[in-house]
Every structure is written in C-alpha cells, then in structure tokens.
Amino acid sequence: MRSLKRVLLLVAVLLLVLAILAFVLENQQSVSLLFLGWAGPQLPVSVVTVAALLIGMLIGPSIGWFVSRTSRARRKRLV
C-alpha cells in the first residue's frame, strides 16, 4: 500500500512537472508590462505569469494572517 502511494505521488509530480515545462516552452514570447508609469523589462510570458503566481501566494496568506490577527484582537477587547 505504501509503495502504491509513492508511485501515485511520483506520477502526480511528474505530470505537474511536464505541465509546467509545456507551459514554459509554449509561452516564450517577450512582453513588457507597464504599471503606474513604470515599464518592466522584456520577459517571457511564462516568467511574468509564474512571478505573479508566486507573489500572490505570498500576499494572500499574509493578508489572511493580518485579518485574522486583527479580528482576534477585537474579540479580546470585547471580552
């Protein structure tokens, strides 16, 4: 049973790696983003997308942590 779980995990990881590789290879067109007057360097679309994903993965939990901390402090003041 344990070896079956390992094999399934390995297959899932390999499929994920192949999907990421296909995404990166298919999105090599260079783009330059313009945000609030700041023009970024020319980077492949895949790099921009992965960077946005990673930034979102950092910002999202940070906002959730801050909101839960603030609401916990409010509940303590009410008690």
C-alpha atoms as a PDB file:
ATOM      1  CA  MET A   1       0.000   0.000   0.000  1.00  0.00           C
ATOM      2  CA  ARG A   2       2.814   2.360   0.849  1.00  0.00           C
ATOM      3  CA  SER A   3       4.585   1.729  -2.446  1.00  0.00           C
ATOM      4  CA  LEU A   4       1.337   2.387  -4.343  1.00  0.00           C
ATOM      5  CA  LYS A   5       1.030   5.788  -2.651  1.00  0.00           C
ATOM      6  CA  ARG A   6       4.622   6.596  -3.542  1.00  0.00           C
ATOM      7  CA  VAL A   7       4.085   5.593  -7.171  1.00  0.00           C
ATOM      8  CA  LEU A   8       0.915   7.685  -7.396  1.00  0.00           C
ATOM      9  CA  LEU A   9       2.701  10.645  -5.814  1.00  0.00           C
ATOM     10  CA  LEU A  10       5.587  10.249  -8.242  1.00  0.00           C
ATOM     11  CA  VAL A  11       3.209  10.117 -11.204  1.00  0.00           C
ATOM     12  CA  ALA A  12       1.365  13.210  -9.976  1.00  0.00           C
ATOM     13  CA  VAL A  13       4.632  15.123  -9.512  1.00  0.00           C
ATOM     14  CA  LEU A  14       5.872  14.069 -12.956  1.00  0.00           C
ATOM     15  CA  LEU A  15       2.605  15.190 -14.552  1.00  0.00           C
ATOM     16  CA  LEU A  16       2.855  18.532 -12.777  1.00  0.00           C
ATOM     17  CA  VAL A  17       6.460  18.988 -13.917  1.00  0.00           C
ATOM     18  CA  LEU A  18       5.512  18.103 -17.502  1.00  0.00           C
ATOM     19  CA  ALA A  19       2.603  20.576 -17.421  1.00  0.00           C
ATOM     20  CA  ILE A  20       4.874  23.340 -16.113  1.00  0.00           C
ATOM     21  CA  LEU A  21       7.510  22.511 -18.714  1.00  0.00           C
ATOM     22  CA  ALA A  22       4.935  22.595 -21.504  1.00  0.00           C
ATOM     23  CA  PHE A  23       3.608  25.931 -20.222  1.00  0.00           C
ATOM     24  CA  VAL A  24       7.090  27.466 -20.128  1.00  0.00           C
ATOM     25  CA  LEU A  25       8.031  26.161 -23.568  1.00  0.00           C
ATOM     26  CA  GLU A  26       4.774  27.333 -25.161  1.00  0.00           C
ATOM     27  CA  ASN A  27       4.947  30.854 -23.697  1.00  0.00           C
ATOM     28  CA  GLN A  28       8.316  32.216 -24.756  1.00  0.00           C
ATOM     29  CA  GLN A  29       7.009  35.451 -26.310  1.00  0.00           C
ATOM     30  CA  SER A  30       8.538  38.500 -24.674  1.00  0.00           C
ATOM     31  CA  VAL A  31       6.290  41.083 -23.081  1.00  0.00           C
ATOM     32  CA  SER A  32       6.919  44.317 -21.247  1.00  0.00           C
ATOM     33  CA  LEU A  33       4.467  45.277 -18.533  1.00  0.00           C
ATOM     34  CA  LEU A  34       3.521  48.884 -17.843  1.00  0.00           C
ATOM     35  CA  PHE A  35       2.252  49.635 -14.326  1.00  0.00           C
ATOM     36  CA  LEU A  36       1.713  53.146 -12.940  1.00  0.00           C
ATOM     37  CA  GLY A  37       4.170  54.609 -15.425  1.00  0.00           C
ATOM     38  CA  TRP A  38       6.868  52.041 -14.658  1.00  0.00           C
ATOM     39  CA  ALA A  39       7.841  49.861 -17.598  1.00  0.00           C
ATOM     40  CA  GLY A  40       9.270  46.497 -16.695  1.00  0.00           C
ATOM     41  CA  PRO A  41      11.952  44.664 -18.640  1.00  0.00           C
ATOM     42  CA  GLN A  42      11.090  42.414 -21.577  1.00  0.00           C
ATOM     43  CA  LEU A  43      10.497  38.959 -20.112  1.00  0.00           C
ATOM     44  CA  PRO A  44       8.827  35.797 -21.422  1.00  0.00           C
ATOM     45  CA  VAL A  45       5.123  35.469 -20.637  1.00  0.00           C
ATOM     46  CA  SER A  46       5.787  32.349 -18.580  1.00  0.00           C
ATOM     47  CA  VAL A  47       8.206  34.205 -16.281  1.00  0.00           C
ATOM     48  CA  VAL A  48       5.699  37.010 -15.728  1.00  0.00           C
ATOM     49  CA  THR A  49       2.914  34.520 -15.007  1.00  0.00           C
ATOM     50  CA  VAL A  50       4.958  32.430 -12.580  1.00  0.00           C
ATOM     51  CA  ALA A  51       6.195  35.589 -10.817  1.00  0.00           C
ATOM     52  CA  ALA A  52       2.599  36.810 -10.435  1.00  0.00           C
ATOM     53  CA  LEU A  53       1.600  33.403  -9.053  1.00  0.00           C
ATOM     54  CA  LEU A  54       4.419  33.392  -6.500  1.00  0.00           C
ATOM     55  CA  ILE A  55       3.729  36.972  -5.423  1.00  0.00           C
ATOM     56  CA  GLY A  56       0.053  36.105  -4.986  1.00  0.00           C
ATOM     57  CA  MET A  57       0.993  33.040  -2.946  1.00  0.00           C
ATOM     58  CA  LEU A  58       2.937  35.328  -0.600  1.00  0.00           C
ATOM     59  CA  ILE A  59       0.482  38.223  -0.405  1.00  0.00           C
ATOM     60  CA  GLY A  60      -2.716  36.169   0.003  1.00  0.00           C
ATOM     61  CA  PRO A  61      -1.750  34.334   3.196  1.00  0.00           C
ATOM     62  CA  SER A  62      -0.168  37.498   4.581  1.00  0.00           C
ATOM     63  CA  ILE A  63      -3.451  39.370   4.218  1.00  0.00           C
ATOM     64  CA  GLY A  64      -5.336  36.430   5.745  1.00  0.00           C
ATOM     65  CA  TRP A  65      -2.960  36.333   8.699  1.00  0.00           C
ATOM     66  CA  PHE A  66      -3.306  40.092   9.232  1.00  0.00           C
ATOM     67  CA  VAL A  67      -7.118  39.987   9.079  1.00  0.00           C
ATOM     68  CA  SER A  68      -7.346  37.040  11.490  1.00  0.00           C
ATOM     69  CA  ARG A  69      -4.926  38.733  13.882  1.00  0.00           C
ATOM     70  CA  THR A  70      -6.965  41.947  13.795  1.00  0.00           C
ATOM     71  CA  SER A  71     -10.263  40.132  14.367  1.00  0.00           C
ATOM     72  CA  ARG A  72      -8.720  38.136  17.239  1.00  0.00           C
ATOM     73  CA  ALA A  73      -7.603  41.394  18.863  1.00  0.00           C
ATOM     74  CA  ARG A  74     -11.117  42.822  18.535  1.00  0.00           C
ATOM     75  CA  ARG A  75     -12.616  39.741  20.160  1.00  0.00           C
ATOM     76  CA  LYS A  76     -10.194  40.029  23.067  1.00  0.00           C
ATOM     77  CA  ARG A  77     -11.186  43.665  23.627  1.00  0.00           C
ATOM     78  CA  LEU A  78     -14.878  42.706  23.750  1.00  0.00           C
ATOM     79  CA  VAL A  79     -14.319  40.095  26.447  1.00  0.00           C
END
